[in-house]
Amino acid sequence: MDILQVGEPVLRQKARTLSAAEIASEEIRKLIARMRETMYAGPGVGLAAPQIGFPLRLAVIEDREEYQKEISADQLAERERRPVPFHVIINPQITESSGDAREFFEGCLSLTGFLAVVPRARTVRVECLDERGQPRVICASGWYARILQHEIDHLNGTLYVDRMRSHTFMSLDNWGRFWKSRPVGEVRAELDSPQER
């Protein structure tokens, strides 16, 4: 399945809530399976249904251990990043967020080849349904909280570029060449405009 890129109207629409009958349907089960495959192919740690053209409040998430092998132990600790098993969130709502906003580089499968520093809440509480339509409450912190916020943003027609520190927006290639190994605070100090400091 193709991942839609920024500029597609569906990426800027608020996705609709799924009914209990829809959640139980074969169509949604097949869609979840295709979304999982598409997320892996990205590769990515999350994928929202609007990213593949379905304006539904549905996302899949998994932060695999293999994705973290190239990241230093210090960076993993700073980001509070740990593996997250595969799961589905349906009709999610962030009911609580707390902690000082944490800033890290963030990318998106719908903005291929770019990333920027994005502030996000350190912890969130999310109420949703799972793929069986069962209520679930997720209390997450660190990188997992960031993934949840990013995917739920997609369901509301919001992209990370709407929240980013605009002077940190860059190509993935240039991030790798100039900024990858530098602390985010140092990058911000060098790149931010006086208005963003």
N, C-alpha and C. Protein backbone atom coordinates (compact mmCIF):
# COMPACT_ATOMS: atom_id res chain seq x y z
N MET A 1 0.82 -1.19 0.00
CA MET A 1 0.00 0.00 0.00
C MET A 1 0.86 1.24 0.00
N ASP A 2 0.49 2.23 -0.78
CA ASP A 2 1.24 3.48 -0.81
C ASP A 2 0.88 4.35 0.38
N ILE A 3 1.90 5.01 0.93
CA ILE A 3 1.68 5.97 2.00
C ILE A 3 1.53 7.34 1.36
N LEU A 4 0.41 7.99 1.64
CA LEU A 4 0.13 9.29 1.05
C LEU A 4 1.08 10.34 1.60
N GLN A 5 1.45 11.29 0.73
CA GLN A 5 2.38 12.34 1.11
C GLN A 5 1.63 13.65 1.35
N VAL A 6 2.26 14.53 2.13
CA VAL A 6 1.69 15.82 2.47
C VAL A 6 1.15 16.51 1.22
N GLY A 7 -0.01 17.10 1.35
CA GLY A 7 -0.72 17.70 0.22
C GLY A 7 -1.97 16.94 -0.14
N GLU A 8 -2.05 15.66 0.25
CA GLU A 8 -3.26 14.87 0.04
C GLU A 8 -4.34 15.39 1.00
N PRO A 9 -5.53 15.73 0.49
CA PRO A 9 -6.58 16.30 1.35
C PRO A 9 -6.92 15.46 2.58
N VAL A 10 -6.92 14.14 2.46
CA VAL A 10 -7.31 13.28 3.58
C VAL A 10 -6.39 13.46 4.79
N LEU A 11 -5.16 13.89 4.56
CA LEU A 11 -4.22 14.09 5.66
C LEU A 11 -4.56 15.33 6.49
N ARG A 12 -5.44 16.18 5.99
CA ARG A 12 -5.82 17.40 6.69
C ARG A 12 -7.27 17.38 7.17
N GLN A 13 -7.91 16.21 7.08
CA GLN A 13 -9.30 16.07 7.54
C GLN A 13 -9.33 15.38 8.89
N LYS A 14 -10.33 15.71 9.68
CA LYS A 14 -10.53 14.97 10.93
C LYS A 14 -11.15 13.63 10.57
N ALA A 15 -10.52 12.56 11.01
CA ALA A 15 -11.01 11.21 10.71
C ALA A 15 -12.28 10.93 11.51
N ARG A 16 -13.10 10.05 10.98
CA ARG A 16 -14.36 9.74 11.64
C ARG A 16 -14.23 8.55 12.59
N THR A 17 -15.09 8.55 13.59
CA THR A 17 -15.14 7.49 14.59
C THR A 17 -15.66 6.20 13.96
N LEU A 18 -15.10 5.07 14.37
CA LEU A 18 -15.59 3.78 13.91
C LEU A 18 -16.66 3.26 14.86
N SER A 19 -17.67 2.63 14.30
CA SER A 19 -18.75 2.01 15.09
C SER A 19 -18.30 0.63 15.56
N ALA A 20 -19.01 0.08 16.52
CA ALA A 20 -18.71 -1.27 17.02
C ALA A 20 -18.84 -2.29 15.89
N ALA A 21 -19.83 -2.13 15.04
CA ALA A 21 -20.02 -3.06 13.91
C ALA A 21 -18.85 -2.99 12.94
N GLU A 22 -18.37 -1.77 12.68
CA GLU A 22 -17.22 -1.63 11.78
C GLU A 22 -15.97 -2.27 12.37
N ILE A 23 -15.75 -2.06 13.67
CA ILE A 23 -14.56 -2.61 14.31
C ILE A 23 -14.56 -4.13 14.21
N ALA A 24 -15.73 -4.74 14.31
CA ALA A 24 -15.84 -6.20 14.25
C ALA A 24 -15.81 -6.75 12.82
N SER A 25 -15.81 -5.89 11.84
CA SER A 25 -15.94 -6.34 10.45
C SER A 25 -14.64 -6.92 9.88
N GLU A 26 -14.81 -7.77 8.89
CA GLU A 26 -13.68 -8.35 8.17
C GLU A 26 -12.88 -7.27 7.46
N GLU A 27 -13.56 -6.23 6.96
CA GLU A 27 -12.88 -5.15 6.25
C GLU A 27 -11.86 -4.45 7.16
N ILE A 28 -12.25 -4.19 8.40
CA ILE A 28 -11.33 -3.52 9.32
C ILE A 28 -10.20 -4.45 9.71
N ARG A 29 -10.47 -5.73 9.90
CA ARG A 29 -9.39 -6.68 10.20
C ARG A 29 -8.37 -6.71 9.07
N LYS A 30 -8.86 -6.71 7.83
CA LYS A 30 -7.95 -6.71 6.67
C LYS A 30 -7.18 -5.40 6.59
N LEU A 31 -7.86 -4.29 6.88
CA LEU A 31 -7.19 -2.99 6.85
C LEU A 31 -6.07 -2.94 7.88
N ILE A 32 -6.31 -3.43 9.08
CA ILE A 32 -5.29 -3.45 10.12
C ILE A 32 -4.08 -4.27 9.67
N ALA A 33 -4.31 -5.41 9.07
CA ALA A 33 -3.21 -6.25 8.58
C ALA A 33 -2.41 -5.53 7.50
N ARG A 34 -3.09 -4.84 6.60
CA ARG A 34 -2.39 -4.09 5.54
C ARG A 34 -1.62 -2.91 6.13
N MET A 35 -2.21 -2.26 7.12
CA MET A 35 -1.53 -1.14 7.76
C MET A 35 -0.25 -1.61 8.46
N ARG A 36 -0.32 -2.76 9.10
CA ARG A 36 0.86 -3.30 9.79
C ARG A 36 1.98 -3.57 8.78
N GLU A 37 1.64 -4.21 7.68
CA GLU A 37 2.63 -4.49 6.64
C GLU A 37 3.22 -3.19 6.08
N THR A 38 2.36 -2.21 5.85
CA THR A 38 2.81 -0.92 5.29
C THR A 38 3.71 -0.19 6.27
N MET A 39 3.38 -0.24 7.57
CA MET A 39 4.22 0.39 8.59
C MET A 39 5.60 -0.26 8.60
N TYR A 40 5.66 -1.59 8.55
CA TYR A 40 6.94 -2.29 8.54
C TYR A 40 7.75 -1.92 7.30
N ALA A 41 7.08 -1.82 6.16
CA ALA A 41 7.78 -1.51 4.91
C ALA A 41 8.32 -0.10 4.90
N GLY A 42 7.72 0.81 5.69
CA GLY A 42 8.10 2.21 5.70
C GLY A 42 9.60 2.46 5.80
N PRO A 43 10.32 1.99 6.79
CA PRO A 43 9.79 1.47 8.04
C PRO A 43 9.40 2.61 8.97
N GLY A 44 8.42 2.34 9.81
CA GLY A 44 7.98 3.33 10.77
C GLY A 44 7.56 2.68 12.06
N VAL A 45 7.27 3.51 13.07
CA VAL A 45 6.84 3.02 14.38
C VAL A 45 5.34 3.23 14.60
N GLY A 46 4.68 3.84 13.64
CA GLY A 46 3.24 4.05 13.72
C GLY A 46 2.71 4.40 12.35
N LEU A 47 1.44 4.13 12.15
CA LEU A 47 0.77 4.48 10.89
C LEU A 47 -0.71 4.69 11.19
N ALA A 48 -1.22 5.82 10.75
CA ALA A 48 -2.64 6.14 10.93
C ALA A 48 -3.38 5.87 9.62
N ALA A 49 -4.63 5.45 9.73
CA ALA A 49 -5.42 5.10 8.55
C ALA A 49 -5.47 6.23 7.50
N PRO A 50 -5.56 7.51 7.89
CA PRO A 50 -5.56 8.55 6.85
C PRO A 50 -4.30 8.55 5.98
N GLN A 51 -3.20 8.04 6.51
CA GLN A 51 -1.96 8.03 5.73
C GLN A 51 -2.02 7.08 4.54
N ILE A 52 -2.99 6.18 4.55
CA ILE A 52 -3.18 5.31 3.40
C ILE A 52 -4.55 5.54 2.76
N GLY A 53 -5.15 6.69 3.06
CA GLY A 53 -6.35 7.12 2.37
C GLY A 53 -7.67 6.79 3.03
N PHE A 54 -7.65 6.30 4.26
CA PHE A 54 -8.89 5.96 4.97
C PHE A 54 -9.12 6.94 6.11
N PRO A 55 -10.10 7.82 6.02
CA PRO A 55 -10.33 8.83 7.07
C PRO A 55 -11.04 8.24 8.29
N LEU A 56 -10.37 7.28 8.94
CA LEU A 56 -10.92 6.56 10.08
C LEU A 56 -10.03 6.76 11.29
N ARG A 57 -10.63 6.78 12.49
CA ARG A 57 -9.87 6.97 13.73
C ARG A 57 -9.26 5.62 14.15
N LEU A 58 -8.21 5.27 13.43
CA LEU A 58 -7.56 3.98 13.58
C LEU A 58 -6.07 4.15 13.31
N ALA A 59 -5.22 3.60 14.18
CA ALA A 59 -3.78 3.64 13.95
C ALA A 59 -3.16 2.35 14.49
N VAL A 60 -2.02 2.00 13.92
CA VAL A 60 -1.23 0.87 14.41
C VAL A 60 0.09 1.41 14.90
N ILE A 61 0.65 0.76 15.94
CA ILE A 61 1.89 1.22 16.57
C ILE A 61 2.74 0.01 16.92
N GLU A 62 4.04 0.14 16.66
CA GLU A 62 5.03 -0.82 17.15
C GLU A 62 6.41 -0.21 17.01
N ASP A 63 7.13 -0.14 18.11
CA ASP A 63 8.51 0.34 18.07
C ASP A 63 9.40 -0.87 18.35
N ARG A 64 9.90 -1.45 17.27
CA ARG A 64 10.65 -2.71 17.37
C ARG A 64 12.06 -2.49 17.90
N GLU A 65 12.55 -3.49 18.60
CA GLU A 65 13.90 -3.43 19.17
C GLU A 65 14.94 -3.21 18.08
N GLU A 66 14.73 -3.81 16.93
CA GLU A 66 15.71 -3.68 15.84
C GLU A 66 15.85 -2.24 15.35
N TYR A 67 14.80 -1.42 15.51
CA TYR A 67 14.88 -0.02 15.10
C TYR A 67 15.80 0.80 16.02
N GLN A 68 16.10 0.26 17.18
CA GLN A 68 16.84 1.00 18.19
C GLN A 68 18.33 0.62 18.24
N LYS A 69 18.73 -0.34 17.41
CA LYS A 69 20.11 -0.83 17.45
C LYS A 69 21.14 0.21 17.05
N GLU A 70 20.76 1.13 16.17
CA GLU A 70 21.70 2.15 15.67
C GLU A 70 21.75 3.39 16.57
N ILE A 71 20.96 3.39 17.64
CA ILE A 71 20.87 4.55 18.53
C ILE A 71 21.70 4.27 19.77
N SER A 72 22.51 5.23 20.18
CA SER A 72 23.37 5.03 21.35
C SER A 72 22.53 4.84 22.61
N ALA A 73 23.13 4.18 23.59
CA ALA A 73 22.45 3.96 24.87
C ALA A 73 22.09 5.30 25.53
N ASP A 74 22.99 6.29 25.41
CA ASP A 74 22.72 7.61 25.99
C ASP A 74 21.51 8.26 25.33
N GLN A 75 21.41 8.17 23.99
CA GLN A 75 20.27 8.76 23.29
C GLN A 75 18.98 8.02 23.61
N LEU A 76 19.05 6.70 23.72
CA LEU A 76 17.85 5.93 24.09
C LEU A 76 17.36 6.34 25.47
N ALA A 77 18.29 6.52 26.40
CA ALA A 77 17.93 6.93 27.76
C ALA A 77 17.35 8.34 27.76
N GLU A 78 17.97 9.25 27.02
CA GLU A 78 17.48 10.63 26.98
C GLU A 78 16.07 10.69 26.40
N ARG A 79 15.80 9.89 25.39
CA ARG A 79 14.48 9.87 24.74
C ARG A 79 13.48 9.00 25.50
N GLU A 80 13.96 8.26 26.51
CA GLU A 80 13.12 7.29 27.22
C GLU A 80 12.47 6.36 26.20
N ARG A 81 13.31 5.80 25.35
CA ARG A 81 12.81 4.94 24.26
C ARG A 81 13.09 3.48 24.57
N ARG A 82 12.03 2.71 24.55
CA ARG A 82 12.08 1.27 24.77
C ARG A 82 11.18 0.61 23.73
N PRO A 83 11.40 -0.67 23.45
CA PRO A 83 10.51 -1.34 22.49
C PRO A 83 9.06 -1.30 22.95
N VAL A 84 8.16 -1.17 21.98
CA VAL A 84 6.72 -1.16 22.24
C VAL A 84 6.12 -2.24 21.34
N PRO A 85 5.40 -3.22 21.91
CA PRO A 85 4.82 -4.27 21.07
C PRO A 85 3.71 -3.75 20.16
N PHE A 86 3.44 -4.51 19.11
CA PHE A 86 2.40 -4.13 18.16
C PHE A 86 1.05 -4.03 18.85
N HIS A 87 0.33 -2.95 18.55
CA HIS A 87 -1.05 -2.82 19.01
C HIS A 87 -1.80 -1.83 18.13
N VAL A 88 -3.09 -1.87 18.29
CA VAL A 88 -4.01 -1.05 17.50
C VAL A 88 -4.72 -0.09 18.45
N ILE A 89 -4.88 1.16 18.01
CA ILE A 89 -5.70 2.11 18.76
C ILE A 89 -6.83 2.58 17.85
N ILE A 90 -8.05 2.49 18.37
CA ILE A 90 -9.24 2.88 17.62
C ILE A 90 -9.99 3.94 18.43
N ASN A 91 -10.43 4.98 17.75
CA ASN A 91 -11.16 6.09 18.38
C ASN A 91 -10.42 6.64 19.60
N PRO A 92 -9.11 6.86 19.49
CA PRO A 92 -8.35 7.31 20.67
C PRO A 92 -8.59 8.76 21.02
N GLN A 93 -8.49 9.03 22.31
CA GLN A 93 -8.56 10.40 22.83
C GLN A 93 -7.48 10.56 23.87
N ILE A 94 -6.71 11.62 23.79
CA ILE A 94 -5.76 11.94 24.86
C ILE A 94 -6.57 12.61 25.96
N THR A 95 -6.63 11.96 27.11
CA THR A 95 -7.43 12.49 28.21
C THR A 95 -6.59 13.23 29.23
N GLU A 96 -5.27 13.08 29.14
CA GLU A 96 -4.39 13.77 30.07
C GLU A 96 -2.99 13.80 29.46
N SER A 97 -2.31 14.91 29.62
CA SER A 97 -0.90 14.99 29.24
C SER A 97 -0.20 15.84 30.28
N SER A 98 1.05 15.46 30.57
CA SER A 98 1.75 16.19 31.62
C SER A 98 3.25 16.12 31.41
N GLY A 99 3.94 16.78 32.29
CA GLY A 99 5.39 16.85 32.21
C GLY A 99 5.81 17.99 31.30
N ASP A 100 6.99 18.47 31.51
CA ASP A 100 7.52 19.51 30.64
C ASP A 100 7.59 18.98 29.22
N ALA A 101 7.33 19.86 28.27
CA ALA A 101 7.43 19.45 26.87
C ALA A 101 8.86 19.01 26.59
N ARG A 102 8.98 17.88 25.92
CA ARG A 102 10.29 17.36 25.53
C ARG A 102 10.45 17.59 24.05
N GLU A 103 11.64 17.97 23.64
CA GLU A 103 11.90 18.29 22.24
C GLU A 103 12.92 17.32 21.65
N PHE A 104 12.52 16.69 20.55
CA PHE A 104 13.41 15.79 19.82
C PHE A 104 13.08 15.89 18.34
N PHE A 105 14.02 15.43 17.52
CA PHE A 105 13.74 15.35 16.10
C PHE A 105 12.65 14.31 15.86
N GLU A 106 11.77 14.62 14.92
CA GLU A 106 10.64 13.75 14.59
C GLU A 106 10.46 13.76 13.08
N GLY A 107 10.15 12.61 12.53
CA GLY A 107 9.86 12.50 11.11
C GLY A 107 8.49 11.88 10.91
N CYS A 108 8.12 11.67 9.66
CA CYS A 108 6.80 11.13 9.35
C CYS A 108 6.86 10.43 8.01
N LEU A 109 6.19 9.29 7.92
CA LEU A 109 6.14 8.55 6.65
C LEU A 109 5.39 9.32 5.57
N SER A 110 4.61 10.33 5.96
CA SER A 110 3.88 11.15 4.98
C SER A 110 4.64 12.42 4.60
N LEU A 111 5.83 12.59 5.13
CA LEU A 111 6.74 13.68 4.73
C LEU A 111 8.11 13.05 4.54
N THR A 112 8.19 12.16 3.59
CA THR A 112 9.39 11.36 3.38
C THR A 112 10.62 12.23 3.17
N GLY A 113 11.67 11.88 3.91
CA GLY A 113 12.96 12.53 3.71
C GLY A 113 13.20 13.79 4.50
N PHE A 114 12.30 14.14 5.42
CA PHE A 114 12.45 15.37 6.22
C PHE A 114 12.20 15.08 7.69
N LEU A 115 12.70 15.96 8.55
CA LEU A 115 12.40 15.90 9.97
C LEU A 115 12.67 17.26 10.59
N ALA A 116 12.21 17.41 11.84
CA ALA A 116 12.37 18.67 12.56
C ALA A 116 12.23 18.40 14.05
N VAL A 117 12.65 19.35 14.84
CA VAL A 117 12.47 19.27 16.29
C VAL A 117 11.02 19.61 16.60
N VAL A 118 10.38 18.72 17.38
CA VAL A 118 8.97 18.88 17.73
C VAL A 118 8.80 18.75 19.24
N PRO A 119 8.18 19.74 19.89
CA PRO A 119 7.89 19.60 21.32
C PRO A 119 6.65 18.73 21.53
N ARG A 120 6.75 17.83 22.48
CA ARG A 120 5.62 16.95 22.83
C ARG A 120 5.59 16.78 24.34
N ALA A 121 4.40 16.51 24.86
CA ALA A 121 4.26 16.20 26.28
C ALA A 121 5.04 14.93 26.61
N ARG A 122 5.65 14.90 27.78
CA ARG A 122 6.45 13.74 28.17
C ARG A 122 5.57 12.53 28.50
N THR A 123 4.40 12.76 29.07
CA THR A 123 3.51 11.65 29.42
C THR A 123 2.10 11.94 28.92
N VAL A 124 1.41 10.87 28.55
CA VAL A 124 0.01 10.99 28.12
C VAL A 124 -0.80 9.83 28.65
N ARG A 125 -2.08 10.09 28.79
CA ARG A 125 -3.06 9.05 29.10
C ARG A 125 -4.02 9.04 27.93
N VAL A 126 -4.17 7.88 27.29
CA VAL A 126 -5.01 7.73 26.11
C VAL A 126 -6.10 6.71 26.38
N GLU A 127 -7.34 7.09 26.09
CA GLU A 127 -8.45 6.14 26.15
C GLU A 127 -8.82 5.79 24.72
N CYS A 128 -8.96 4.49 24.46
CA CYS A 128 -9.24 4.02 23.10
C CYS A 128 -9.89 2.65 23.16
N LEU A 129 -10.12 2.11 21.99
CA LEU A 129 -10.57 0.73 21.85
C LEU A 129 -9.46 -0.05 21.16
N ASP A 130 -9.37 -1.34 21.46
CA ASP A 130 -8.40 -2.18 20.75
C ASP A 130 -9.06 -2.78 19.51
N GLU A 131 -8.36 -3.67 18.82
CA GLU A 131 -8.89 -4.23 17.56
C GLU A 131 -10.11 -5.12 17.76
N ARG A 132 -10.39 -5.52 19.01
CA ARG A 132 -11.59 -6.31 19.32
C ARG A 132 -12.73 -5.41 19.81
N GLY A 133 -12.48 -4.11 19.85
CA GLY A 133 -13.49 -3.18 20.31
C GLY A 133 -13.55 -3.06 21.82
N GLN A 134 -12.53 -3.59 22.51
CA GLN A 134 -12.49 -3.54 23.97
C GLN A 134 -11.86 -2.24 24.44
N PRO A 135 -12.43 -1.61 25.48
CA PRO A 135 -11.86 -0.36 26.00
C PRO A 135 -10.45 -0.59 26.53
N ARG A 136 -9.60 0.37 26.30
CA ARG A 136 -8.22 0.29 26.76
C ARG A 136 -7.77 1.67 27.22
N VAL A 137 -7.00 1.69 28.29
CA VAL A 137 -6.38 2.92 28.77
C VAL A 137 -4.88 2.72 28.68
N ILE A 138 -4.21 3.63 28.00
CA ILE A 138 -2.75 3.56 27.84
C ILE A 138 -2.14 4.75 28.56
N CYS A 139 -1.26 4.47 29.50
CA CYS A 139 -0.48 5.51 30.17
C CYS A 139 0.95 5.35 29.67
N ALA A 140 1.43 6.33 28.94
CA ALA A 140 2.73 6.22 28.28
C ALA A 140 3.60 7.41 28.61
N SER A 141 4.91 7.17 28.56
CA SER A 141 5.87 8.25 28.76
C SER A 141 6.97 8.14 27.72
N GLY A 142 7.77 9.19 27.63
CA GLY A 142 8.91 9.18 26.74
C GLY A 142 8.54 9.03 25.28
N TRP A 143 9.31 8.21 24.57
CA TRP A 143 9.15 8.07 23.12
C TRP A 143 7.79 7.48 22.76
N TYR A 144 7.31 6.55 23.57
CA TYR A 144 6.00 5.94 23.32
C TYR A 144 4.91 7.02 23.38
N ALA A 145 5.00 7.92 24.34
CA ALA A 145 4.04 9.03 24.43
C ALA A 145 4.11 9.89 23.18
N ARG A 146 5.33 10.11 22.66
CA ARG A 146 5.51 10.89 21.42
C ARG A 146 4.83 10.20 20.24
N ILE A 147 5.01 8.90 20.13
CA ILE A 147 4.39 8.15 19.02
C ILE A 147 2.87 8.28 19.09
N LEU A 148 2.31 8.09 20.27
CA LEU A 148 0.86 8.20 20.43
C LEU A 148 0.36 9.59 20.03
N GLN A 149 1.05 10.63 20.48
CA GLN A 149 0.64 12.00 20.14
C GLN A 149 0.72 12.23 18.63
N HIS A 150 1.78 11.73 18.01
CA HIS A 150 1.97 11.89 16.56
C HIS A 150 0.83 11.23 15.79
N GLU A 151 0.51 9.98 16.16
CA GLU A 151 -0.54 9.24 15.43
C GLU A 151 -1.92 9.83 15.68
N ILE A 152 -2.21 10.24 16.90
CA ILE A 152 -3.50 10.86 17.19
C ILE A 152 -3.63 12.19 16.48
N ASP A 153 -2.53 12.92 16.36
CA ASP A 153 -2.54 14.14 15.54
C ASP A 153 -3.02 13.83 14.12
N HIS A 154 -2.50 12.75 13.54
CA HIS A 154 -2.93 12.37 12.18
C HIS A 154 -4.45 12.22 12.10
N LEU A 155 -5.04 11.66 13.13
CA LEU A 155 -6.49 11.42 13.13
C LEU A 155 -7.28 12.71 13.25
N ASN A 156 -6.58 13.78 13.63
CA ASN A 156 -7.22 15.10 13.75
C ASN A 156 -6.82 16.04 12.62
N GLY A 157 -6.14 15.51 11.61
CA GLY A 157 -5.73 16.33 10.47
C GLY A 157 -4.52 17.21 10.73
N THR A 158 -3.74 16.85 11.74
CA THR A 158 -2.56 17.63 12.12
C THR A 158 -1.30 16.85 11.76
N LEU A 159 -0.30 17.55 11.23
CA LEU A 159 0.99 16.96 10.91
C LEU A 159 2.05 17.58 11.82
N TYR A 160 3.18 16.89 11.96
CA TYR A 160 4.20 17.42 12.87
C TYR A 160 4.71 18.79 12.44
N VAL A 161 4.61 19.10 11.15
CA VAL A 161 5.07 20.43 10.70
C VAL A 161 4.23 21.55 11.32
N ASP A 162 3.04 21.23 11.79
CA ASP A 162 2.20 22.22 12.47
C ASP A 162 2.70 22.53 13.87
N ARG A 163 3.52 21.66 14.42
CA ARG A 163 4.00 21.79 15.80
C ARG A 163 5.52 22.01 15.89
N MET A 164 6.20 21.88 14.79
CA MET A 164 7.66 21.86 14.80
C MET A 164 8.26 23.23 15.11
N ARG A 165 9.52 23.20 15.53
CA ARG A 165 10.34 24.41 15.61
C ARG A 165 10.82 24.64 14.18
N SER A 166 10.22 25.60 13.50
CA SER A 166 10.36 25.72 12.04
C SER A 166 11.81 25.85 11.56
N HIS A 167 12.67 26.45 12.34
CA HIS A 167 14.05 26.62 11.89
C HIS A 167 14.87 25.34 11.99
N THR A 168 14.28 24.28 12.53
CA THR A 168 14.99 23.00 12.61
C THR A 168 14.55 22.04 11.50
N PHE A 169 13.63 22.46 10.65
CA PHE A 169 13.14 21.61 9.56
C PHE A 169 14.28 21.38 8.57
N MET A 170 14.53 20.10 8.24
CA MET A 170 15.66 19.78 7.36
C MET A 170 15.47 18.43 6.68
N SER A 171 16.30 18.21 5.66
CA SER A 171 16.28 16.92 4.98
C SER A 171 16.95 15.88 5.88
N LEU A 172 16.54 14.65 5.72
CA LEU A 172 17.13 13.55 6.47
C LEU A 172 18.62 13.44 6.17
N ASP A 173 19.00 13.66 4.92
CA ASP A 173 20.42 13.61 4.55
C ASP A 173 21.24 14.65 5.31
N ASN A 174 20.74 15.88 5.37
CA ASN A 174 21.49 16.92 6.09
C ASN A 174 21.49 16.69 7.59
N TRP A 175 20.43 16.15 8.12
CA TRP A 175 20.43 15.79 9.55
C TRP A 175 21.55 14.81 9.83
N GLY A 176 21.68 13.79 8.96
CA GLY A 176 22.75 12.81 9.13
C GLY A 176 24.14 13.40 8.97
N ARG A 177 24.28 14.35 8.08
CA ARG A 177 25.59 14.97 7.81
C ARG A 177 26.02 15.93 8.91
N PHE A 178 25.09 16.72 9.44
CA PHE A 178 25.47 17.82 10.32
C PHE A 178 24.99 17.74 11.77
N TRP A 179 23.85 17.10 12.03
CA TRP A 179 23.19 17.28 13.32
C TRP A 179 22.94 16.00 14.12
N LYS A 180 23.01 14.86 13.50
CA LYS A 180 22.59 13.59 14.11
C LYS A 180 23.19 13.34 15.49
N SER A 181 24.47 13.59 15.65
CA SER A 181 25.13 13.25 16.91
C SER A 181 25.14 14.39 17.93
N ARG A 182 24.49 15.50 17.59
CA ARG A 182 24.50 16.65 18.49
C ARG A 182 23.24 16.69 19.35
N PRO A 183 23.35 17.14 20.59
CA PRO A 183 22.16 17.25 21.46
C PRO A 183 21.15 18.25 20.85
N VAL A 184 19.88 17.97 21.07
CA VAL A 184 18.82 18.80 20.50
C VAL A 184 18.95 20.26 20.96
N GLY A 185 19.29 20.48 22.22
CA GLY A 185 19.44 21.85 22.72
C GLY A 185 20.50 22.62 21.96
N GLU A 186 21.58 21.95 21.63
CA GLU A 186 22.65 22.58 20.85
C GLU A 186 22.19 22.91 19.43
N VAL A 187 21.44 21.99 18.84
CA VAL A 187 20.89 22.23 17.49
C VAL A 187 19.96 23.43 17.52
N ARG A 188 19.07 23.47 18.50
CA ARG A 188 18.13 24.59 18.63
C ARG A 188 18.87 25.91 18.79
N ALA A 189 19.90 25.91 19.64
CA ALA A 189 20.64 27.15 19.88
C ALA A 189 21.28 27.67 18.60
N GLU A 190 21.70 26.77 17.76
CA GLU A 190 22.36 27.19 16.52
C GLU A 190 21.38 27.56 15.42
N LEU A 191 20.22 26.89 15.38
CA LEU A 191 19.31 27.07 14.27
C LEU A 191 18.11 27.96 14.52
N ASP A 192 17.69 28.08 15.76
CA ASP A 192 16.44 28.83 16.04
C ASP A 192 16.57 30.31 15.73
N SER A 193 15.44 30.85 15.32
CA SER A 193 15.36 32.29 15.15
C SER A 193 15.20 32.91 16.54
N PRO A 194 15.46 34.21 16.68
CA PRO A 194 15.29 34.85 17.99
C PRO A 194 13.87 34.71 18.54
N GLN A 195 12.86 34.63 17.67
CA GLN A 195 11.47 34.51 18.13
C GLN A 195 11.19 33.14 18.76
N GLU A 196 11.95 32.11 18.36
CA GLU A 196 11.68 30.75 18.86
C GLU A 196 12.50 30.41 20.10
N ARG A 197 13.44 31.24 20.46
CA ARG A 197 14.31 30.92 21.59
C ARG A 197 13.62 31.20 22.91
